[in-house]
Amino acid sequence: MDMQQRIDQFLAAKAFGVAGASTNRDKYGNKVLRCYLQNQLKAVPINPRATTIEGVPCVDSVLALPDEATSLSVITPPKITEQLVEQALARGIRNIWMQPGAESPQAIAFCEANGINVIADGSCLLVVLRYHEAH
């Protein structure tokens, strides 16, 4: 698959997990969540310390995502990403988009070895979905 096909497959999910979702609107984990919402896409923030972010109920881990969430955006430090991809495989996630800065060679290799569609080439969801700051 070329990168556009990988992105199309990722975006075909009914719902999207957002690992690294933040209550801080200046953080990329919050911007990615808002980007999904701006595009009328169902997103489930993953944050063990928050109950809601941007009015959306949180789950505390990748393992707690609903079945319809088959794609996962990852906005975490690389060492955390490496743990998340293992949880994602156990949860049945088929598509993982590592936002710039979240990727690690080990996590990418794990995804590829386990048949997970991985986007980790520096592509940014905020650019692809044309995110804009609301004032």
C-alpha atoms as a PDB file:
ATOM      1  CA  MET A   1       0.000   0.000   0.000  1.00  0.00           C
ATOM      2  CA  ASP A   2       1.163   3.511  -0.662  1.00  0.00           C
ATOM      3  CA  MET A   3       0.851   6.165   2.059  1.00  0.00           C
ATOM      4  CA  GLN A   4      -2.464   7.548   0.755  1.00  0.00           C
ATOM      5  CA  GLN A   5      -3.979   4.036   0.844  1.00  0.00           C
ATOM      6  CA  ARG A   6      -2.695   3.581   4.411  1.00  0.00           C
ATOM      7  CA  ILE A   7      -4.259   6.912   5.419  1.00  0.00           C
ATOM      8  CA  ASP A   8      -7.562   6.064   3.673  1.00  0.00           C
ATOM      9  CA  GLN A   9      -7.697   2.715   5.474  1.00  0.00           C
ATOM     10  CA  PHE A  10      -6.970   4.429   8.808  1.00  0.00           C
ATOM     11  CA  LEU A  11      -9.718   7.025   8.252  1.00  0.00           C
ATOM     12  CA  ALA A  12     -12.291   4.357   7.281  1.00  0.00           C
ATOM     13  CA  ALA A  13     -12.731   3.356  10.955  1.00  0.00           C
ATOM     14  CA  LYS A  14     -16.076   4.004  12.680  1.00  0.00           C
ATOM     15  CA  ALA A  15     -14.261   5.455  15.718  1.00  0.00           C
ATOM     16  CA  PHE A  16     -10.740   6.546  16.630  1.00  0.00           C
ATOM     17  CA  GLY A  17      -8.799   6.143  19.850  1.00  0.00           C
ATOM     18  CA  VAL A  18      -6.629   9.123  20.813  1.00  0.00           C
ATOM     19  CA  ALA A  19      -3.707   7.988  22.975  1.00  0.00           C
ATOM     20  CA  GLY A  20      -2.112  10.964  24.655  1.00  0.00           C
ATOM     21  CA  ALA A  21      -5.326  13.015  24.670  1.00  0.00           C
ATOM     22  CA  SER A  22      -4.802  16.041  26.885  1.00  0.00           C
ATOM     23  CA  THR A  23      -7.047  18.453  28.751  1.00  0.00           C
ATOM     24  CA  ASN A  24      -4.533  21.194  27.818  1.00  0.00           C
ATOM     25  CA  ARG A  25      -5.754  22.833  24.588  1.00  0.00           C
ATOM     26  CA  ASP A  26      -2.172  23.816  23.679  1.00  0.00           C
ATOM     27  CA  LYS A  27      -1.025  20.174  23.534  1.00  0.00           C
ATOM     28  CA  TYR A  28      -1.145  18.156  20.322  1.00  0.00           C
ATOM     29  CA  GLY A  29      -3.038  15.393  22.119  1.00  0.00           C
ATOM     30  CA  ASN A  30      -5.901  17.857  22.531  1.00  0.00           C
ATOM     31  CA  LYS A  31      -5.626  19.282  19.001  1.00  0.00           C
ATOM     32  CA  VAL A  32      -5.849  15.793  17.449  1.00  0.00           C
ATOM     33  CA  LEU A  33      -9.019  15.074  19.442  1.00  0.00           C
ATOM     34  CA  ARG A  34     -10.531  18.402  18.362  1.00  0.00           C
ATOM     35  CA  CYS A  35      -9.510  17.688  14.772  1.00  0.00           C
ATOM     36  CA  TYR A  36     -11.600  14.497  14.753  1.00  0.00           C
ATOM     37  CA  LEU A  37     -14.524  16.382  16.303  1.00  0.00           C
ATOM     38  CA  GLN A  38     -14.243  19.200  13.717  1.00  0.00           C
ATOM     39  CA  ASN A  39     -14.573  16.542  11.019  1.00  0.00           C
ATOM     40  CA  GLN A  40     -17.631  14.945  12.673  1.00  0.00           C
ATOM     41  CA  LEU A  41     -15.669  11.775  13.398  1.00  0.00           C
ATOM     42  CA  LYS A  42     -16.169   9.751  16.574  1.00  0.00           C
ATOM     43  CA  ALA A  43     -13.096   9.935  18.779  1.00  0.00           C
ATOM     44  CA  VAL A  44     -12.441   8.341  22.151  1.00  0.00           C
ATOM     45  CA  PRO A  45      -9.806  10.118  24.254  1.00  0.00           C
ATOM     46  CA  ILE A  46      -7.476   7.896  26.260  1.00  0.00           C
ATOM     47  CA  ASN A  47      -6.341   9.538  29.490  1.00  0.00           C
ATOM     48  CA  PRO A  48      -6.058   7.736  32.842  1.00  0.00           C
ATOM     49  CA  ARG A  49      -6.362  11.004  34.814  1.00  0.00           C
ATOM     50  CA  ALA A  50      -9.345  12.683  33.125  1.00  0.00           C
ATOM     51  CA  THR A  51     -13.017  11.729  32.904  1.00  0.00           C
ATOM     52  CA  THR A  52     -13.836  13.940  29.910  1.00  0.00           C
ATOM     53  CA  ILE A  53     -11.851  16.008  27.422  1.00  0.00           C
ATOM     54  CA  GLU A  54     -13.613  18.541  25.205  1.00  0.00           C
ATOM     55  CA  GLY A  55     -16.880  17.110  26.503  1.00  0.00           C
ATOM     56  CA  VAL A  56     -16.057  13.578  25.322  1.00  0.00           C
ATOM     57  CA  PRO A  57     -15.906  10.762  27.913  1.00  0.00           C
ATOM     58  CA  CYS A  58     -12.405   9.281  28.350  1.00  0.00           C
ATOM     59  CA  VAL A  59     -11.263   5.708  28.741  1.00  0.00           C
ATOM     60  CA  ASP A  60      -8.195   4.954  30.851  1.00  0.00           C
ATOM     61  CA  SER A  61      -6.300   2.707  28.415  1.00  0.00           C
ATOM     62  CA  VAL A  62      -6.152   1.363  24.861  1.00  0.00           C
ATOM     63  CA  LEU A  63      -7.606  -1.888  26.218  1.00  0.00           C
ATOM     64  CA  ALA A  64     -10.769  -0.016  27.302  1.00  0.00           C
ATOM     65  CA  LEU A  65     -11.579   1.315  23.807  1.00  0.00           C
ATOM     66  CA  PRO A  66     -14.965   0.335  22.339  1.00  0.00           C
ATOM     67  CA  ASP A  67     -15.030  -2.330  19.611  1.00  0.00           C
ATOM     68  CA  GLU A  68     -15.826   0.220  16.890  1.00  0.00           C
ATOM     69  CA  ALA A  69     -12.485   1.992  17.505  1.00  0.00           C
ATOM     70  CA  THR A  70     -10.251   0.152  15.036  1.00  0.00           C
ATOM     71  CA  SER A  71      -7.831   3.030  14.426  1.00  0.00           C
ATOM     72  CA  LEU A  72      -5.571   4.636  17.016  1.00  0.00           C
ATOM     73  CA  SER A  73      -3.859   8.037  16.915  1.00  0.00           C
ATOM     74  CA  VAL A  74      -0.753   8.069  19.081  1.00  0.00           C
ATOM     75  CA  ILE A  75       0.555  11.340  20.502  1.00  0.00           C
ATOM     76  CA  THR A  76       2.886  10.039  23.206  1.00  0.00           C
ATOM     77  CA  PRO A  77       6.641   9.892  23.836  1.00  0.00           C
ATOM     78  CA  PRO A  78       8.290   7.030  21.866  1.00  0.00           C
ATOM     79  CA  LYS A  79       8.846   4.866  24.981  1.00  0.00           C
ATOM     80  CA  ILE A  80       5.098   5.029  25.744  1.00  0.00           C
ATOM     81  CA  THR A  81       4.274   4.365  22.081  1.00  0.00           C
ATOM     82  CA  GLU A  82       6.217   1.096  22.331  1.00  0.00           C
ATOM     83  CA  GLN A  83       3.919  -0.044  25.158  1.00  0.00           C
ATOM     84  CA  LEU A  84       0.765   1.195  23.424  1.00  0.00           C
ATOM     85  CA  VAL A  85       1.314  -0.793  20.227  1.00  0.00           C
ATOM     86  CA  GLU A  86       1.350  -4.021  22.238  1.00  0.00           C
ATOM     87  CA  GLN A  87      -1.916  -3.051  23.941  1.00  0.00           C
ATOM     88  CA  ALA A  88      -3.353  -2.084  20.544  1.00  0.00           C
ATOM     89  CA  LEU A  89      -2.564  -5.514  19.104  1.00  0.00           C
ATOM     90  CA  ALA A  90      -4.185  -7.194  22.120  1.00  0.00           C
ATOM     91  CA  ARG A  91      -7.243  -4.949  21.669  1.00  0.00           C
ATOM     92  CA  GLY A  92      -7.575  -5.733  17.957  1.00  0.00           C
ATOM     93  CA  ILE A  93      -6.597  -2.292  16.645  1.00  0.00           C
ATOM     94  CA  ARG A  94      -5.832  -2.581  12.914  1.00  0.00           C
ATOM     95  CA  ASN A  95      -4.497   0.916  12.179  1.00  0.00           C
ATOM     96  CA  ILE A  96      -2.052   3.089  14.122  1.00  0.00           C
ATOM     97  CA  TRP A  97      -1.031   6.631  13.223  1.00  0.00           C
ATOM     98  CA  MET A  98       2.035   7.766  15.139  1.00  0.00           C
ATOM     99  CA  GLN A  99       2.011  11.541  15.047  1.00  0.00           C
ATOM    100  CA  PRO A 100       5.393  13.230  14.427  1.00  0.00           C
ATOM    101  CA  GLY A 101       7.512  12.796  17.552  1.00  0.00           C
ATOM    102  CA  ALA A 102       5.621   9.724  18.805  1.00  0.00           C
ATOM    103  CA  GLU A 103       7.232   7.193  16.497  1.00  0.00           C
ATOM    104  CA  SER A 104       9.967   4.765  17.463  1.00  0.00           C
ATOM    105  CA  PRO A 105      11.745   2.197  15.266  1.00  0.00           C
ATOM    106  CA  GLN A 106      10.758  -0.591  17.693  1.00  0.00           C
ATOM    107  CA  ALA A 107       7.074   0.382  17.685  1.00  0.00           C
ATOM    108  CA  ILE A 108       7.010   0.644  13.877  1.00  0.00           C
ATOM    109  CA  ALA A 109       8.725  -2.751  13.504  1.00  0.00           C
ATOM    110  CA  PHE A 110       6.244  -4.287  15.982  1.00  0.00           C
ATOM    111  CA  CYS A 111       3.287  -2.985  13.958  1.00  0.00           C
ATOM    112  CA  GLU A 112       4.735  -4.197  10.663  1.00  0.00           C
ATOM    113  CA  ALA A 113       5.553  -7.639  12.108  1.00  0.00           C
ATOM    114  CA  ASN A 114       1.987  -7.991  13.423  1.00  0.00           C
ATOM    115  CA  GLY A 115       0.116  -6.836  10.319  1.00  0.00           C
ATOM    116  CA  ILE A 116      -0.993  -3.483  11.716  1.00  0.00           C
ATOM    117  CA  ASN A 117      -1.364  -0.672   9.170  1.00  0.00           C
ATOM    118  CA  VAL A 118       1.095   1.886  10.537  1.00  0.00           C
ATOM    119  CA  ILE A 119       1.533   5.513   9.514  1.00  0.00           C
ATOM    120  CA  ALA A 120       4.779   6.883  10.920  1.00  0.00           C
ATOM    121  CA  ASP A 121       6.392   8.761   8.056  1.00  0.00           C
ATOM    122  CA  GLY A 122       5.953  12.226   9.536  1.00  0.00           C
ATOM    123  CA  SER A 123       2.437  12.599   8.113  1.00  0.00           C
ATOM    124  CA  CYS A 124       0.260  14.619  10.475  1.00  0.00           C
ATOM    125  CA  LEU A 125      -3.447  14.016  10.978  1.00  0.00           C
ATOM    126  CA  LEU A 126      -3.910  17.740  11.634  1.00  0.00           C
ATOM    127  CA  VAL A 127      -2.668  18.501   8.114  1.00  0.00           C
ATOM    128  CA  VAL A 128      -4.532  15.671   6.362  1.00  0.00           C
ATOM    129  CA  LEU A 129      -7.871  16.567   7.994  1.00  0.00           C
ATOM    130  CA  ARG A 130      -7.213  20.327   7.735  1.00  0.00           C
ATOM    131  CA  TYR A 131      -7.400  21.141  11.431  1.00  0.00           C
ATOM    132  CA  HIS A 132      -8.038  24.769  12.327  1.00  0.00           C
ATOM    133  CA  GLU A 133      -7.969  26.545  15.664  1.00  0.00           C
ATOM    134  CA  ALA A 134     -11.441  27.736  16.662  1.00  0.00           C
ATOM    135  CA  HIS A 135     -11.461  31.195  18.208  1.00  0.00           C
END
